[in-house]
Protein backbone atom coordinates (compact mmCIF):
# COMPACT_ATOMS: atom_id res chain seq x y z
CA MET A 1 0.00 0.00 0.00
CA PRO A 2 1.35 3.47 -0.85
CA ILE A 3 2.42 5.68 2.00
CA CYS A 4 1.31 9.18 2.94
CA SER A 5 3.91 10.86 5.17
CA TRP A 6 1.82 13.85 6.20
CA ASN A 7 -0.90 13.76 8.80
CA ARG A 8 -3.58 16.42 9.17
CA GLU A 9 -3.89 16.10 12.97
CA LEU A 10 -0.13 16.48 13.43
CA ARG A 11 -0.26 19.76 11.52
CA GLY A 12 -2.73 21.19 14.07
CA GLN A 13 -5.80 20.83 11.88
CA THR A 14 -8.67 19.70 14.07
CA GLU A 15 -11.47 19.69 11.52
CA PHE A 16 -11.32 16.37 9.69
CA SER A 17 -13.82 15.73 6.95
CA ALA A 18 -14.68 12.85 4.66
CA VAL A 19 -13.81 15.09 1.72
CA TRP A 20 -10.29 15.59 3.03
CA ALA A 21 -9.88 11.86 3.69
CA TYR A 22 -11.09 10.92 0.21
CA THR A 23 -8.22 12.51 -1.75
CA PRO A 24 -5.38 10.63 -0.01
CA TRP A 25 -7.47 7.45 -0.14
CA LEU A 26 -7.99 7.90 -3.89
CA LEU A 27 -4.29 8.52 -4.41
CA ASN A 28 -3.42 5.47 -2.28
CA ALA A 29 -5.86 3.30 -4.24
CA SER A 30 -4.50 4.52 -7.59
CA ALA A 31 -0.75 4.70 -6.95
CA VAL A 32 1.77 1.99 -7.67
CA GLU A 33 2.72 -0.16 -4.68
CA GLY A 34 5.37 1.57 -2.55
CA THR A 35 4.77 5.05 -3.97
CA GLU A 36 4.72 7.79 -1.36
CA ILE A 37 1.69 10.00 -1.92
CA ASP A 38 3.57 13.18 -1.07
CA THR A 39 5.77 12.51 -4.12
CA ILE A 40 2.64 12.80 -6.29
CA LEU A 41 0.77 15.75 -4.76
CA THR A 42 1.87 18.30 -2.15
CA GLU A 43 -0.04 18.51 1.11
CA ASP A 44 -1.09 22.09 0.26
CA ALA A 45 -2.55 20.84 -3.01
CA VAL A 46 -4.55 18.20 -1.13
CA ASP A 47 -5.78 20.86 1.30
CA LEU A 48 -6.87 23.07 -1.60
CA LEU A 49 -8.78 20.21 -3.23
CA ALA A 50 -10.47 19.36 0.07
CA THR A 51 -11.36 22.99 0.73
CA LYS A 52 -12.76 23.84 -2.69
CA LEU A 53 -14.42 20.56 -3.69
CA ARG A 54 -17.40 18.90 -2.11
CA THR A 55 -18.13 15.63 -3.88
CA PRO A 56 -16.05 12.58 -4.85
CA LEU A 57 -16.88 13.21 -8.51
CA GLN A 58 -15.48 16.75 -8.29
CA ILE A 59 -12.35 15.45 -6.58
CA GLN A 60 -11.82 12.74 -9.20
CA LEU A 61 -12.26 15.20 -12.07
CA HIS A 62 -10.04 17.94 -10.68
CA LEU A 63 -7.41 15.52 -9.38
CA THR A 64 -7.20 13.98 -12.85
CA LEU A 65 -6.91 17.43 -14.44
CA ALA A 66 -4.23 18.45 -11.93
CA LEU A 67 -2.21 15.28 -12.46
CA GLU A 68 -2.42 15.68 -16.24
CA ALA A 69 -1.37 19.34 -16.01
CA GLY A 70 1.49 18.44 -13.66
CA TYR A 71 2.64 15.69 -16.01
CA GLN A 72 2.58 18.04 -19.00
CA ALA A 73 4.54 20.64 -17.04
CA GLY A 74 6.96 18.02 -15.73
CA GLU A 75 6.13 18.95 -12.14
CA ARG A 76 6.32 16.31 -9.44
CA PRO A 77 4.92 16.52 -6.88
CA VAL A 78 2.03 18.49 -8.28
CA SER A 79 1.92 21.85 -6.52
CA VAL A 80 -0.93 23.96 -5.25
CA GLU A 81 -0.37 26.36 -8.16
CA VAL A 82 -1.08 23.60 -10.68
CA VAL A 83 -4.23 22.58 -8.78
CA GLU A 84 -5.40 26.21 -8.71
CA SER A 85 -4.91 26.42 -12.47
CA VAL A 86 -7.37 23.58 -13.12
CA LEU A 87 -10.07 24.51 -10.60
CA SER A 88 -13.20 26.06 -12.06
CA ARG A 89 -13.50 29.74 -11.13
CA GLN A 90 -17.31 29.53 -10.90
CA MET A 91 -17.39 26.52 -8.56
CA ASP A 92 -18.70 28.46 -5.56
CA ASP A 93 -21.20 30.54 -7.52
CA LEU A 94 -24.87 30.23 -6.63
CA GLU A 95 -26.00 28.27 -9.70
CA PRO A 96 -23.46 25.40 -9.36
CA THR A 97 -24.15 25.25 -5.62
CA LEU A 98 -27.89 24.89 -6.18
CA MET A 99 -27.35 22.35 -8.96
CA ARG A 100 -25.18 20.21 -6.65
CA HIS A 101 -28.18 20.12 -4.33
CA GLY A 102 -30.51 19.07 -7.16
CA TYR A 103 -32.10 22.45 -7.93
CA HIS A 104 -32.14 23.22 -11.64
CA ILE A 105 -33.56 26.40 -13.17
CA LYS A 106 -36.78 24.58 -14.11
CA ASP A 107 -37.24 23.44 -10.50
CA LEU A 108 -36.66 26.95 -9.15
CA VAL A 109 -39.13 28.41 -11.66
CA GLU A 110 -41.83 25.99 -10.54
CA GLN A 111 -41.15 26.21 -6.84
CA PHE A 112 -40.89 29.98 -6.57
CA ASP A 113 -43.42 31.09 -9.18
CA ALA A 114 -40.85 32.92 -11.29
CA ARG A 115 -39.97 33.14 -14.96
CA PRO A 116 -36.81 31.40 -16.22
CA ALA A 117 -35.33 34.80 -17.14
CA GLU A 118 -35.87 35.99 -13.55
CA ILE A 119 -34.12 32.95 -12.09
CA LYS A 120 -31.20 33.35 -14.51
CA ALA A 121 -30.93 37.04 -13.65
CA PHE A 122 -31.09 36.17 -9.93
CA LEU A 123 -28.28 33.64 -10.32
CA ASN A 124 -26.18 36.20 -12.23
CA ASN A 125 -26.89 39.00 -9.72
CA THR A 126 -28.59 41.15 -12.36
CA LEU A 127 -32.18 40.90 -11.11
CA ASP A 128 -33.99 43.97 -9.77
CA PRO A 129 -32.96 44.27 -6.09
CA ALA A 130 -36.53 44.18 -4.76
CA ARG A 131 -37.40 41.01 -6.69
CA ALA A 132 -34.01 39.48 -5.82
CA THR A 133 -34.69 40.07 -2.13
CA GLU A 134 -38.14 38.51 -2.48
CA LEU A 135 -36.75 35.39 -4.20
CA ARG A 136 -33.83 35.12 -1.75
CA ASP A 137 -36.23 35.29 1.22
CA LYS A 138 -38.42 32.56 -0.31
CA MET A 139 -35.39 30.36 -0.97
CA LEU A 140 -34.03 30.83 2.52
CA ALA A 141 -37.46 30.06 3.99
CA VAL A 142 -37.43 26.61 2.38
CA GLY A 143 -33.81 25.95 3.33
CA LEU A 144 -31.92 26.36 0.07
CA PRO A 145 -28.16 26.69 0.58
CA ILE A 146 -27.77 30.26 -0.66
């Protein structure tokens, strides 16, 4: 089994999440026997992936992109800068966040009695402030993660 020489608890990090644990596990499961994980990806790069990504599918996609970019650049271990270069800039925007929770524009239109153009404008922060406040209050009332 591949080895990971860094340990989150030893670095003073008390918050341990399944997302953070998944990346080293995935690297361990994918690496050649005897390969040290910290020779593939720096600990800061793992922290960035765990901080920015929320699902195993996102981690798999962005880890693959980072490893490919690192290979093309001849960089080993893959640094945090390489990982940053492959992360989507819109990942934390409202629309992707709602979509990760299963809310598509059509669902929002139906649930909040709005037109598709209004929902799109709301998601892009271009909706009239009064209407945006009304929609935001309705969404918060039903527990949407906005």
